[in-house]
Amino acid sequence: MSDSHGSSILELKSRIERGDTFAMYVLGKKYYEGDGVDKDIDMAVELMKLAADGGQKEAEYTYGYFCCYGIGVPTDKIQAIKWYRKSANQGYTEAQYGLGYMCDFGEGIEVNKMEAAKWYNLAADAGHPGALCNLGNLYYNGWGVRLDRRQAANLFSRAADRGNNDAMFNLARMYELGEGVSRNDAIALEYYNKAAKMGNPVSLYSMGMRYYIGNGVNQDIHLAAKLFKAAADKGYTEAQCNYGTMLYYGEGVQKDFYAAANYFAKASQNWSDVGIFYLGRMYLLGEGVKADSRRGIGLLKLSAELGNKDATELLENVQNLVS
């Protein structure tokens, strides 16, 4: 049986006995993926570490990845940074992106946007879609680089052409608002659609809003509900609230208090004042949940503290009834 690099398992083992670090990397990857051999994470880690110690750049990155996510070894992001840097310094694009990401978001290292931009730039030059998108974010916000919306749009466009759905959403937003590009709602809609079809939750929500109010498309609340549900099921808080509200009132979907309460509860976990308001109201009235006025009032108070006016108004009405 031959591997993707044209060598059989026996050949790889023979090359490993002669100290071939690339063969160690290839066989380690096979054990990790269960490709042609029984999946064995311990063996994958052992071979990857041997190859990394020997300076093999793909193995350095992969072993760093194992450290970053605790795959077969204890999670250690400082070690991940070390191995990413070794690999990145050898010009490995995936490691350059990974190191840029760690610097960008402070994973195992203090946030350093200038350092992130440096590594993203190198990976972006090689066409890495994630690096192009994240570098675009830096230019959009002026983090670690000069603020340059036109350059951000250019980078998002290059990332979108390579299938990055986050970049598609960002570019759609820029066309919608006319930031760095001439305002063009038709192009914005095209990119929102592309990103939504790829499952981007924010784009699914944005398309849902467009169909809900008929913005640039024919109004279709049934389709809006489907799009909100798709975004909600991916954990997007605003969509959880919108879909929960549609279930609550039976708008575009069959009324279902139980399901509505479930979506409002999910939104509440992310401190959504709307989700907390509706969940409080449902506990107060016993809609889709067992009535619990104490819990309901507590949730309404929390929602009101978060600035929800509907919660403040309902609390006043409840207090008037009690008094």
C-alpha atoms as a PDB file:
ATOM      1  CA  MET A   1       0.000   0.000   0.000  1.00  0.00           C
ATOM      2  CA  SER A   2       1.436   3.401  -0.992  1.00  0.00           C
ATOM      3  CA  ASP A   3       1.030   6.683   0.819  1.00  0.00           C
ATOM      4  CA  SER A   4       0.220  10.088  -0.692  1.00  0.00           C
ATOM      5  CA  HIS A   5       3.951  10.668  -1.192  1.00  0.00           C
ATOM      6  CA  GLY A   6       4.407   7.444  -3.140  1.00  0.00           C
ATOM      7  CA  SER A   7       5.978   5.315  -0.405  1.00  0.00           C
ATOM      8  CA  SER A   8       4.592   2.151   1.150  1.00  0.00           C
ATOM      9  CA  ILE A   9       4.326   1.738   4.923  1.00  0.00           C
ATOM     10  CA  LEU A  10       7.252  -0.704   4.823  1.00  0.00           C
ATOM     11  CA  GLU A  11       9.296   1.763   2.789  1.00  0.00           C
ATOM     12  CA  LEU A  12       8.558   4.538   5.261  1.00  0.00           C
ATOM     13  CA  LYS A  13       9.630   2.349   8.175  1.00  0.00           C
ATOM     14  CA  SER A  14      12.809   1.462   6.344  1.00  0.00           C
ATOM     15  CA  ARG A  15      13.545   5.140   5.672  1.00  0.00           C
ATOM     16  CA  ILE A  16      12.849   5.958   9.312  1.00  0.00           C
ATOM     17  CA  GLU A  17      15.453   3.402  10.404  1.00  0.00           C
ATOM     18  CA  ARG A  18      17.912   5.400   8.312  1.00  0.00           C
ATOM     19  CA  GLY A  19      16.914   8.621  10.118  1.00  0.00           C
ATOM     20  CA  ASP A  20      14.686  10.128   7.399  1.00  0.00           C
ATOM     21  CA  THR A  21      12.722  12.856   9.242  1.00  0.00           C
ATOM     22  CA  PHE A  22      10.269  13.413   6.403  1.00  0.00           C
ATOM     23  CA  ALA A  23       9.345   9.729   6.496  1.00  0.00           C
ATOM     24  CA  MET A  24       8.805  10.096  10.265  1.00  0.00           C
ATOM     25  CA  TYR A  25       6.432  12.998   9.596  1.00  0.00           C
ATOM     26  CA  VAL A  26       4.518  11.140   6.867  1.00  0.00           C
ATOM     27  CA  LEU A  27       4.090   7.976   8.937  1.00  0.00           C
ATOM     28  CA  GLY A  28       3.207  10.015  12.023  1.00  0.00           C
ATOM     29  CA  LYS A  29       0.474  11.736  10.033  1.00  0.00           C
ATOM     30  CA  LYS A  30      -0.795   8.350   8.871  1.00  0.00           C
ATOM     31  CA  TYR A  31      -1.041   7.098  12.451  1.00  0.00           C
ATOM     32  CA  TYR A  32      -2.845  10.319  13.413  1.00  0.00           C
ATOM     33  CA  GLU A  33      -5.392   9.955  10.601  1.00  0.00           C
ATOM     34  CA  GLY A  34      -5.619   6.157  10.575  1.00  0.00           C
ATOM     35  CA  ASP A  35      -4.565   6.188   6.920  1.00  0.00           C
ATOM     36  CA  GLY A  36      -3.345   2.734   5.885  1.00  0.00           C
ATOM     37  CA  VAL A  37      -2.599   1.842   9.511  1.00  0.00           C
ATOM     38  CA  ASP A  38      -4.652   1.557  12.686  1.00  0.00           C
ATOM     39  CA  LYS A  39      -5.130   4.997  14.203  1.00  0.00           C
ATOM     40  CA  ASP A  40      -2.619   5.430  17.036  1.00  0.00           C
ATOM     41  CA  ILE A  41      -2.257   8.906  18.550  1.00  0.00           C
ATOM     42  CA  ASP A  42       0.622   7.872  20.825  1.00  0.00           C
ATOM     43  CA  MET A  43       2.623   6.576  17.862  1.00  0.00           C
ATOM     44  CA  ALA A  44       1.726   9.682  15.847  1.00  0.00           C
ATOM     45  CA  VAL A  45       3.019  11.931  18.619  1.00  0.00           C
ATOM     46  CA  GLU A  46       6.209   9.895  19.061  1.00  0.00           C
ATOM     47  CA  LEU A  47       7.066  10.013  15.354  1.00  0.00           C
ATOM     48  CA  MET A  48       6.088  13.670  15.004  1.00  0.00           C
ATOM     49  CA  LYS A  49       8.301  14.633  17.959  1.00  0.00           C
ATOM     50  CA  LEU A  50      11.249  12.695  16.514  1.00  0.00           C
ATOM     51  CA  ALA A  51      10.803  14.441  13.168  1.00  0.00           C
ATOM     52  CA  ALA A  52      10.366  17.839  14.833  1.00  0.00           C
ATOM     53  CA  ASP A  53      13.520  17.335  16.900  1.00  0.00           C
ATOM     54  CA  GLY A  54      15.270  16.620  13.619  1.00  0.00           C
ATOM     55  CA  GLY A  55      14.175  19.990  12.223  1.00  0.00           C
ATOM     56  CA  GLN A  56      11.482  18.768   9.811  1.00  0.00           C
ATOM     57  CA  LYS A  57       9.302  21.871   9.318  1.00  0.00           C
ATOM     58  CA  GLU A  58       5.915  20.185   8.737  1.00  0.00           C
ATOM     59  CA  ALA A  59       6.506  18.017  11.821  1.00  0.00           C
ATOM     60  CA  GLU A  60       7.516  21.047  13.903  1.00  0.00           C
ATOM     61  CA  TYR A  61       4.204  22.678  13.073  1.00  0.00           C
ATOM     62  CA  THR A  62       2.182  19.499  13.580  1.00  0.00           C
ATOM     63  CA  TYR A  63       3.794  18.727  16.931  1.00  0.00           C
ATOM     64  CA  GLY A  64       3.109  22.334  17.934  1.00  0.00           C
ATOM     65  CA  TYR A  65      -0.519  21.783  16.928  1.00  0.00           C
ATOM     66  CA  PHE A  66      -0.644  18.689  19.143  1.00  0.00           C
ATOM     67  CA  CYS A  67       0.685  20.801  22.044  1.00  0.00           C
ATOM     68  CA  CYS A  68      -1.747  23.614  21.320  1.00  0.00           C
ATOM     69  CA  TYR A  69      -4.829  21.382  21.450  1.00  0.00           C
ATOM     70  CA  GLY A  70      -3.638  18.683  23.848  1.00  0.00           C
ATOM     71  CA  ILE A  71      -3.612  15.881  21.276  1.00  0.00           C
ATOM     72  CA  GLY A  72      -1.674  12.984  22.785  1.00  0.00           C
ATOM     73  CA  VAL A  73       0.265  15.404  24.995  1.00  0.00           C
ATOM     74  CA  PRO A  74      -0.723  17.847  27.760  1.00  0.00           C
ATOM     75  CA  THR A  75      -2.086  21.142  26.421  1.00  0.00           C
ATOM     76  CA  ASP A  76       0.813  23.591  26.407  1.00  0.00           C
ATOM     77  CA  LYS A  77       0.419  26.722  24.304  1.00  0.00           C
ATOM     78  CA  ILE A  78       3.865  28.010  25.209  1.00  0.00           C
ATOM     79  CA  GLN A  79       5.350  24.854  23.686  1.00  0.00           C
ATOM     80  CA  ALA A  80       3.025  25.279  20.711  1.00  0.00           C
ATOM     81  CA  ILE A  81       4.419  28.791  20.165  1.00  0.00           C
ATOM     82  CA  LYS A  82       7.965  27.408  20.318  1.00  0.00           C
ATOM     83  CA  TRP A  83       7.334  24.772  17.653  1.00  0.00           C
ATOM     84  CA  TYR A  84       5.240  27.069  15.449  1.00  0.00           C
ATOM     85  CA  ARG A  85       8.064  29.605  15.499  1.00  0.00           C
ATOM     86  CA  LYS A  86      10.679  26.987  14.509  1.00  0.00           C
ATOM     87  CA  SER A  87       8.514  25.880  11.600  1.00  0.00           C
ATOM     88  CA  ALA A  88       7.520  29.423  10.601  1.00  0.00           C
ATOM     89  CA  ASN A  89      11.167  30.468  10.503  1.00  0.00           C
ATOM     90  CA  GLN A  90      11.694  27.696   7.959  1.00  0.00           C
ATOM     91  CA  GLY A  91       8.974  29.250   5.792  1.00  0.00           C
ATOM     92  CA  TYR A  92       6.125  26.800   6.472  1.00  0.00           C
ATOM     93  CA  THR A  93       2.948  28.730   5.625  1.00  0.00           C
ATOM     94  CA  GLU A  94       0.588  26.948   8.019  1.00  0.00           C
ATOM     95  CA  ALA A  95       2.964  27.641  10.916  1.00  0.00           C
ATOM     96  CA  GLN A  96       3.274  31.299   9.923  1.00  0.00           C
ATOM     97  CA  TYR A  97      -0.505  31.595  10.025  1.00  0.00           C
ATOM     98  CA  GLY A  98      -0.708  29.685  13.313  1.00  0.00           C
ATOM     99  CA  LEU A  99       1.929  31.864  14.931  1.00  0.00           C
ATOM    100  CA  GLY A 100       0.206  34.993  13.655  1.00  0.00           C
ATOM    101  CA  TYR A 101      -3.071  33.768  15.138  1.00  0.00           C
ATOM    102  CA  MET A 102      -1.470  33.078  18.525  1.00  0.00           C
ATOM    103  CA  CYS A 103       0.050  36.585  18.588  1.00  0.00           C
ATOM    104  CA  ASP A 104      -3.220  38.122  17.371  1.00  0.00           C
ATOM    105  CA  PHE A 105      -5.399  36.558  20.066  1.00  0.00           C
ATOM    106  CA  GLY A 106      -2.908  36.123  22.901  1.00  0.00           C
ATOM    107  CA  GLU A 107      -2.782  32.325  22.889  1.00  0.00           C
ATOM    108  CA  GLY A 108       0.296  31.263  24.867  1.00  0.00           C
ATOM    109  CA  ILE A 109       1.797  34.711  24.401  1.00  0.00           C
ATOM    110  CA  GLU A 110       0.829  38.328  25.072  1.00  0.00           C
ATOM    111  CA  VAL A 111      -1.312  39.921  22.379  1.00  0.00           C
ATOM    112  CA  ASN A 112       0.996  41.517  19.827  1.00  0.00           C
ATOM    113  CA  LYS A 113      -0.831  42.779  16.745  1.00  0.00           C
ATOM    114  CA  MET A 114       2.357  43.979  15.019  1.00  0.00           C
ATOM    115  CA  GLU A 115       3.919  40.530  15.383  1.00  0.00           C
ATOM    116  CA  ALA A 116       0.659  38.960  14.204  1.00  0.00           C
ATOM    117  CA  ALA A 117       0.679  41.179  11.112  1.00  0.00           C
ATOM    118  CA  LYS A 118       4.265  40.137  10.341  1.00  0.00           C
ATOM    119  CA  TRP A 119       3.436  36.430  10.286  1.00  0.00           C
ATOM    120  CA  TYR A 120       0.060  36.885   8.607  1.00  0.00           C
ATOM    121  CA  ASN A 121       1.812  38.861   5.863  1.00  0.00           C
ATOM    122  CA  LEU A 122       4.194  36.015   5.166  1.00  0.00           C
ATOM    123  CA  ALA A 123       1.384  33.443   5.060  1.00  0.00           C
ATOM    124  CA  ALA A 124      -0.816  35.787   3.025  1.00  0.00           C
ATOM    125  CA  ASP A 125       1.943  36.145   0.425  1.00  0.00           C
ATOM    126  CA  ALA A 126       1.624  32.387  -0.053  1.00  0.00           C
ATOM    127  CA  GLY A 127      -2.159  32.756  -0.471  1.00  0.00           C
ATOM    128  CA  HIS A 128      -3.275  31.359   2.902  1.00  0.00           C
ATOM    129  CA  PRO A 129      -7.005  32.264   3.116  1.00  0.00           C
ATOM    130  CA  GLY A 130      -7.124  32.525   6.919  1.00  0.00           C
ATOM    131  CA  ALA A 131      -4.056  34.754   6.986  1.00  0.00           C
ATOM    132  CA  LEU A 132      -5.508  36.981   4.260  1.00  0.00           C
ATOM    133  CA  CYS A 133      -8.759  37.335   6.206  1.00  0.00           C
ATOM    134  CA  ASN A 134      -7.138  37.994   9.572  1.00  0.00           C
ATOM    135  CA  LEU A 135      -4.656  40.450   8.076  1.00  0.00           C
ATOM    136  CA  GLY A 136      -7.654  42.189   6.544  1.00  0.00           C
ATOM    137  CA  ASN A 137      -9.169  42.485  10.015  1.00  0.00           C
ATOM    138  CA  LEU A 138      -5.990  44.143  11.251  1.00  0.00           C
ATOM    139  CA  TYR A 139      -6.044  46.696   8.410  1.00  0.00           C
ATOM    140  CA  TYR A 140      -9.785  47.260   8.884  1.00  0.00           C
ATOM    141  CA  ASN A 141      -9.281  48.172  12.549  1.00  0.00           C
ATOM    142  CA  GLY A 142      -5.781  49.662  12.353  1.00  0.00           C
ATOM    143  CA  TRP A 143      -4.382  47.081  14.780  1.00  0.00           C
ATOM    144  CA  GLY A 144      -0.619  46.633  14.431  1.00  0.00           C
ATOM    145  CA  VAL A 145      -0.774  48.231  10.981  1.00  0.00           C
ATOM    146  CA  ARG A 146      -2.071  51.530   9.613  1.00  0.00           C
ATOM    147  CA  LEU A 147      -5.860  51.734   9.341  1.00  0.00           C
ATOM    148  CA  ASP A 148      -6.591  51.103   5.657  1.00  0.00           C
ATOM    149  CA  ARG A 149     -10.094  49.993   4.729  1.00  0.00           C
ATOM    150  CA  ARG A 150      -9.234  49.758   1.030  1.00  0.00           C
ATOM    151  CA  GLN A 151      -6.399  47.338   1.787  1.00  0.00           C
ATOM    152  CA  ALA A 152      -8.721  45.423   4.135  1.00  0.00           C
ATOM    153  CA  ALA A 153     -11.267  45.030   1.326  1.00  0.00           C
ATOM    154  CA  ASN A 154      -8.534  43.845  -1.033  1.00  0.00           C
ATOM    155  CA  LEU A 155      -7.361  41.222   1.458  1.00  0.00           C
ATOM    156  CA  PHE A 156     -10.921  40.088   2.203  1.00  0.00           C
ATOM    157  CA  SER A 157     -11.550  39.774  -1.527  1.00  0.00           C
ATOM    158  CA  ARG A 158      -8.467  37.576  -2.005  1.00  0.00           C
ATOM    159  CA  ALA A 159      -9.479  35.417   0.979  1.00  0.00           C
ATOM    160  CA  ALA A 160     -13.076  35.177  -0.278  1.00  0.00           C
ATOM    161  CA  ASP A 161     -11.824  34.023  -3.690  1.00  0.00           C
ATOM    162  CA  ARG A 162     -10.080  31.190  -1.824  1.00  0.00           C
ATOM    163  CA  GLY A 163     -13.314  30.167  -0.099  1.00  0.00           C
ATOM    164  CA  ASN A 164     -12.963  31.857   3.314  1.00  0.00           C
ATOM    165  CA  ASN A 165     -16.536  32.505   4.461  1.00  0.00           C
ATOM    166  CA  ASP A 166     -15.550  34.937   7.226  1.00  0.00           C
ATOM    167  CA  ALA A 167     -13.904  37.099   4.556  1.00  0.00           C
ATOM    168  CA  MET A 168     -17.045  36.817   2.420  1.00  0.00           C
ATOM    169  CA  PHE A 169     -19.119  38.156   5.292  1.00  0.00           C
ATOM    170  CA  ASN A 170     -16.649  40.959   6.020  1.00  0.00           C
ATOM    171  CA  LEU A 171     -16.567  41.964   2.362  1.00  0.00           C
ATOM    172  CA  ALA A 172     -20.367  41.872   2.162  1.00  0.00           C
ATOM    173  CA  ARG A 173     -20.557  44.184   5.149  1.00  0.00           C
ATOM    174  CA  MET A 174     -18.070  46.603   3.572  1.00  0.00           C
ATOM    175  CA  TYR A 175     -20.062  46.740   0.326  1.00  0.00           C
ATOM    176  CA  GLU A 176     -23.270  47.211   2.306  1.00  0.00           C
ATOM    177  CA  LEU A 177     -21.802  50.165   4.217  1.00  0.00           C
ATOM    178  CA  GLY A 178     -19.482  51.518   1.510  1.00  0.00           C
ATOM    179  CA  GLU A 179     -16.319  51.069   3.594  1.00  0.00           C
ATOM    180  CA  GLY A 180     -13.140  50.883   1.530  1.00  0.00           C
ATOM    181  CA  VAL A 181     -15.249  50.148  -1.548  1.00  0.00           C
ATOM    182  CA  SER A 182     -18.098  51.889  -3.354  1.00  0.00           C
ATOM    183  CA  ARG A 183     -21.392  51.031  -1.705  1.00  0.00           C
ATOM    184  CA  ASN A 184     -23.074  48.267  -3.698  1.00  0.00           C
ATOM    185  CA  ASP A 185     -25.949  46.372  -2.126  1.00  0.00           C
ATOM    186  CA  ALA A 186     -26.146  43.839  -4.973  1.00  0.00           C
ATOM    187  CA  ILE A 187     -22.532  42.771  -4.431  1.00  0.00           C
ATOM    188  CA  ALA A 188     -23.096  42.770  -0.660  1.00  0.00           C
ATOM    189  CA  LEU A 189     -26.074  40.453  -1.118  1.00  0.00           C
ATOM    190  CA  GLU A 190     -24.018  38.166  -3.359  1.00  0.00           C
ATOM    191  CA  TYR A 191     -21.293  37.781  -0.732  1.00  0.00           C
ATOM    192  CA  TYR A 192     -23.783  37.342   2.123  1.00  0.00           C
ATOM    193  CA  ASN A 193     -25.420  34.590   0.079  1.00  0.00           C
ATOM    194  CA  LYS A 194     -22.118  32.840  -0.641  1.00  0.00           C
ATOM    195  CA  ALA A 195     -21.066  32.931   3.003  1.00  0.00           C
ATOM    196  CA  ALA A 196     -24.494  31.777   4.180  1.00  0.00           C
ATOM    197  CA  LYS A 197     -24.397  28.796   1.818  1.00  0.00           C
ATOM    198  CA  MET A 198     -21.057  27.861   3.375  1.00  0.00           C
ATOM    199  CA  GLY A 199     -22.694  27.942   6.815  1.00  0.00           C
ATOM    200  CA  ASN A 200     -21.297  31.238   8.118  1.00  0.00           C
ATOM    201  CA  PRO A 201     -23.626  31.967  11.079  1.00  0.00           C
ATOM    202  CA  VAL A 202     -23.445  35.764  10.881  1.00  0.00           C
ATOM    203  CA  SER A 203     -24.244  35.674   7.164  1.00  0.00           C
ATOM    204  CA  LEU A 204     -27.116  33.256   7.769  1.00  0.00           C
ATOM    205  CA  TYR A 205     -28.470  35.739  10.307  1.00  0.00           C
ATOM    206  CA  SER A 206     -27.913  38.709   7.979  1.00  0.00           C
ATOM    207  CA  MET A 207     -29.717  36.958   5.133  1.00  0.00           C
ATOM    208  CA  GLY A 208     -32.487  36.051   7.544  1.00  0.00           C
ATOM    209  CA  MET A 209     -32.892  39.722   8.429  1.00  0.00           C
ATOM    210  CA  ARG A 210     -33.022  40.658   4.761  1.00  0.00           C
ATOM    211  CA  TYR A 211     -35.754  38.126   4.026  1.00  0.00           C
ATOM    212  CA  TYR A 212     -37.612  39.093   7.206  1.00  0.00           C
ATOM    213  CA  ILE A 213     -37.909  42.762   6.239  1.00  0.00           C
ATOM    214  CA  GLY A 214     -37.563  42.443   2.448  1.00  0.00           C
ATOM    215  CA  ASN A 215     -34.257  44.287   2.160  1.00  0.00           C
ATOM    216  CA  GLY A 216     -32.902  43.710  -1.370  1.00  0.00           C
ATOM    217  CA  VAL A 217     -34.933  40.493  -1.649  1.00  0.00           C
ATOM    218  CA  ASN A 218     -38.605  39.570  -1.726  1.00  0.00           C
ATOM    219  CA  GLN A 219     -39.912  39.387   1.830  1.00  0.00           C
ATOM    220  CA  ASP A 220     -40.246  35.770   2.962  1.00  0.00           C
ATOM    221  CA  ILE A 221     -40.676  35.214   6.695  1.00  0.00           C
ATOM    222  CA  HIS A 222     -40.731  31.432   6.272  1.00  0.00           C
ATOM    223  CA  LEU A 223     -37.286  31.509   4.669  1.00  0.00           C
ATOM    224  CA  ALA A 224     -36.173  34.054   7.266  1.00  0.00           C
ATOM    225  CA  ALA A 225     -37.163  31.594   9.995  1.00  0.00           C
ATOM    226  CA  LYS A 226     -35.135  28.809   8.347  1.00  0.00           C
ATOM    227  CA  LEU A 227     -32.081  31.038   8.084  1.00  0.00           C
ATOM    228  CA  PHE A 228     -32.426  32.227  11.694  1.00  0.00           C
ATOM    229  CA  LYS A 229     -32.722  28.611  12.832  1.00  0.00           C
ATOM    230  CA  ALA A 230     -29.595  27.610  10.899  1.00  0.00           C
ATOM    231  CA  ALA A 231     -27.620  30.472  12.485  1.00  0.00           C
ATOM    232  CA  ALA A 232     -29.138  29.792  15.923  1.00  0.00           C
ATOM    233  CA  ASP A 233     -28.170  26.132  15.784  1.00  0.00           C
ATOM    234  CA  LYS A 234     -24.590  27.263  15.143  1.00  0.00           C
ATOM    235  CA  GLY A 235     -24.705  29.243  18.392  1.00  0.00           C
ATOM    236  CA  TYR A 236     -25.313  32.752  17.039  1.00  0.00           C
ATOM    237  CA  THR A 237     -27.034  34.602  19.893  1.00  0.00           C
ATOM    238  CA  GLU A 238     -29.028  37.187  17.916  1.00  0.00           C
ATOM    239  CA  ALA A 239     -30.407  34.433  15.702  1.00  0.00           C
ATOM    240  CA  GLN A 240     -31.385  32.394  18.767  1.00  0.00           C
ATOM    241  CA  CYS A 241     -33.416  35.378  19.962  1.00  0.00           C
ATOM    242  CA  ASN A 242     -35.013  35.996  16.570  1.00  0.00           C
ATOM    243  CA  TYR A 243     -35.906  32.367  15.968  1.00  0.00           C
ATOM    244  CA  GLY A 244     -37.150  32.041  19.543  1.00  0.00           C
ATOM    245  CA  THR A 245     -39.380  35.076  19.031  1.00  0.00           C
ATOM    246  CA  MET A 246     -40.797  33.632  15.803  1.00  0.00           C
ATOM    247  CA  LEU A 247     -41.553  30.372  17.613  1.00  0.00           C
ATOM    248  CA  TYR A 248     -43.103  32.305  20.485  1.00  0.00           C
ATOM    249  CA  TYR A 249     -45.525  34.245  18.268  1.00  0.00           C
ATOM    250  CA  GLY A 250     -45.922  31.603  15.546  1.00  0.00           C
ATOM    251  CA  GLU A 251     -44.469  33.897  12.906  1.00  0.00           C
ATOM    252  CA  GLY A 252     -43.176  32.031   9.848  1.00  0.00           C
ATOM    253  CA  VAL A 253     -43.234  28.802  11.878  1.00  0.00           C
ATOM    254  CA  GLN A 254     -45.733  26.923  13.996  1.00  0.00           C
ATOM    255  CA  LYS A 255     -46.077  28.410  17.481  1.00  0.00           C
ATOM    256  CA  ASP A 256     -44.058  26.329  19.951  1.00  0.00           C
ATOM    257  CA  PHE A 257     -43.493  27.710  23.457  1.00  0.00           C
ATOM    258  CA  TYR A 258     -41.310  24.788  24.499  1.00  0.00           C
ATOM    259  CA  ALA A 259     -38.900  25.225  21.574  1.00  0.00           C
ATOM    260  CA  ALA A 260     -38.954  29.001  22.012  1.00  0.00           C
ATOM    261  CA  ALA A 261     -37.947  28.662  25.666  1.00  0.00           C
ATOM    262  CA  ASN A 262     -35.069  26.402  24.621  1.00  0.00           C
ATOM    263  CA  TYR A 263     -33.671  28.996  22.199  1.00  0.00           C
ATOM    264  CA  PHE A 264     -34.168  31.852  24.668  1.00  0.00           C
ATOM    265  CA  ALA A 265     -32.312  29.803  27.302  1.00  0.00           C
ATOM    266  CA  LYS A 266     -29.380  29.359  24.898  1.00  0.00           C
ATOM    267  CA  ALA A 267     -29.309  33.100  24.171  1.00  0.00           C
ATOM    268  CA  SER A 268     -29.496  33.836  27.907  1.00  0.00           C
ATOM    269  CA  GLN A 269     -26.283  31.905  28.471  1.00  0.00           C
ATOM    270  CA  ASN A 270     -24.561  34.606  26.402  1.00  0.00           C
ATOM    271  CA  TRP A 271     -26.171  37.400  28.446  1.00  0.00           C
ATOM    272  CA  SER A 272     -28.683  38.417  25.795  1.00  0.00           C
ATOM    273  CA  ASP A 273     -31.099  40.858  27.427  1.00  0.00           C
ATOM    274  CA  VAL A 274     -33.775  39.832  24.884  1.00  0.00           C
ATOM    275  CA  GLY A 275     -33.339  36.122  25.565  1.00  0.00           C
ATOM    276  CA  ILE A 276     -33.375  36.710  29.322  1.00  0.00           C
ATOM    277  CA  PHE A 277     -36.494  38.896  29.033  1.00  0.00           C
ATOM    278  CA  TYR A 278     -38.493  36.298  27.104  1.00  0.00           C
ATOM    279  CA  LEU A 279     -37.318  33.452  29.326  1.00  0.00           C
ATOM    280  CA  GLY A 280     -38.317  35.459  32.405  1.00  0.00           C
ATOM    281  CA  ARG A 281     -41.704  36.229  30.905  1.00  0.00           C
ATOM    282  CA  MET A 282     -42.253  32.558  30.083  1.00  0.00           C
ATOM    283  CA  TYR A 283     -41.416  31.477  33.635  1.00  0.00           C
ATOM    284  CA  LEU A 284     -43.728  34.154  34.950  1.00  0.00           C
ATOM    285  CA  LEU A 285     -46.625  32.994  32.735  1.00  0.00           C
ATOM    286  CA  GLY A 286     -45.810  29.269  32.605  1.00  0.00           C
ATOM    287  CA  GLU A 287     -45.378  29.249  28.824  1.00  0.00           C
ATOM    288  CA  GLY A 288     -43.310  26.294  27.619  1.00  0.00           C
ATOM    289  CA  VAL A 289     -41.814  25.903  31.100  1.00  0.00           C
ATOM    290  CA  LYS A 290     -43.208  25.198  34.538  1.00  0.00           C
ATOM    291  CA  ALA A 291     -44.486  28.451  36.022  1.00  0.00           C
ATOM    292  CA  ASP A 292     -42.031  29.914  38.523  1.00  0.00           C
ATOM    293  CA  SER A 293     -42.782  33.535  39.359  1.00  0.00           C
ATOM    294  CA  ARG A 294     -39.733  33.921  41.575  1.00  0.00           C
ATOM    295  CA  ARG A 295     -37.393  32.789  38.829  1.00  0.00           C
ATOM    296  CA  GLY A 296     -39.327  34.771  36.237  1.00  0.00           C
ATOM    297  CA  ILE A 297     -39.049  38.018  38.181  1.00  0.00           C
ATOM    298  CA  GLY A 298     -35.364  37.389  38.836  1.00  0.00           C
ATOM    299  CA  LEU A 299     -34.726  36.985  35.107  1.00  0.00           C
ATOM    300  CA  LEU A 300     -36.762  40.078  34.285  1.00  0.00           C
ATOM    301  CA  LYS A 301     -34.761  42.098  36.790  1.00  0.00           C
ATOM    302  CA  LEU A 302     -31.524  40.877  35.212  1.00  0.00           C
ATOM    303  CA  SER A 303     -32.792  41.761  31.732  1.00  0.00           C
ATOM    304  CA  ALA A 304     -33.832  45.215  32.956  1.00  0.00           C
ATOM    305  CA  GLU A 305     -30.355  45.728  34.465  1.00  0.00           C
ATOM    306  CA  LEU A 306     -28.942  44.902  31.031  1.00  0.00           C
ATOM    307  CA  GLY A 307     -31.027  47.730  29.578  1.00  0.00           C
ATOM    308  CA  ASN A 308     -34.077  45.899  28.253  1.00  0.00           C
ATOM    309  CA  LYS A 309     -37.035  48.321  28.330  1.00  0.00           C
ATOM    310  CA  ASP A 310     -39.646  45.589  27.830  1.00  0.00           C
ATOM    311  CA  ALA A 311     -38.396  43.877  30.974  1.00  0.00           C
ATOM    312  CA  THR A 312     -38.566  47.154  32.920  1.00  0.00           C
ATOM    313  CA  GLU A 313     -42.147  47.734  31.743  1.00  0.00           C
ATOM    314  CA  LEU A 314     -43.277  44.195  32.537  1.00  0.00           C
ATOM    315  CA  LEU A 315     -41.710  44.379  35.996  1.00  0.00           C
ATOM    316  CA  GLU A 316     -43.641  47.594  36.716  1.00  0.00           C
ATOM    317  CA  ASN A 317     -46.895  45.946  35.624  1.00  0.00           C
ATOM    318  CA  VAL A 318     -46.208  42.900  37.807  1.00  0.00           C
ATOM    319  CA  GLN A 319     -45.451  45.100  40.806  1.00  0.00           C
ATOM    320  CA  ASN A 320     -48.664  47.086  40.213  1.00  0.00           C
ATOM    321  CA  LEU A 321     -50.689  43.856  40.171  1.00  0.00           C
ATOM    322  CA  VAL A 322     -49.061  42.668  43.398  1.00  0.00           C
ATOM    323  CA  SER A 323     -49.621  46.020  45.154  1.00  0.00           C
END
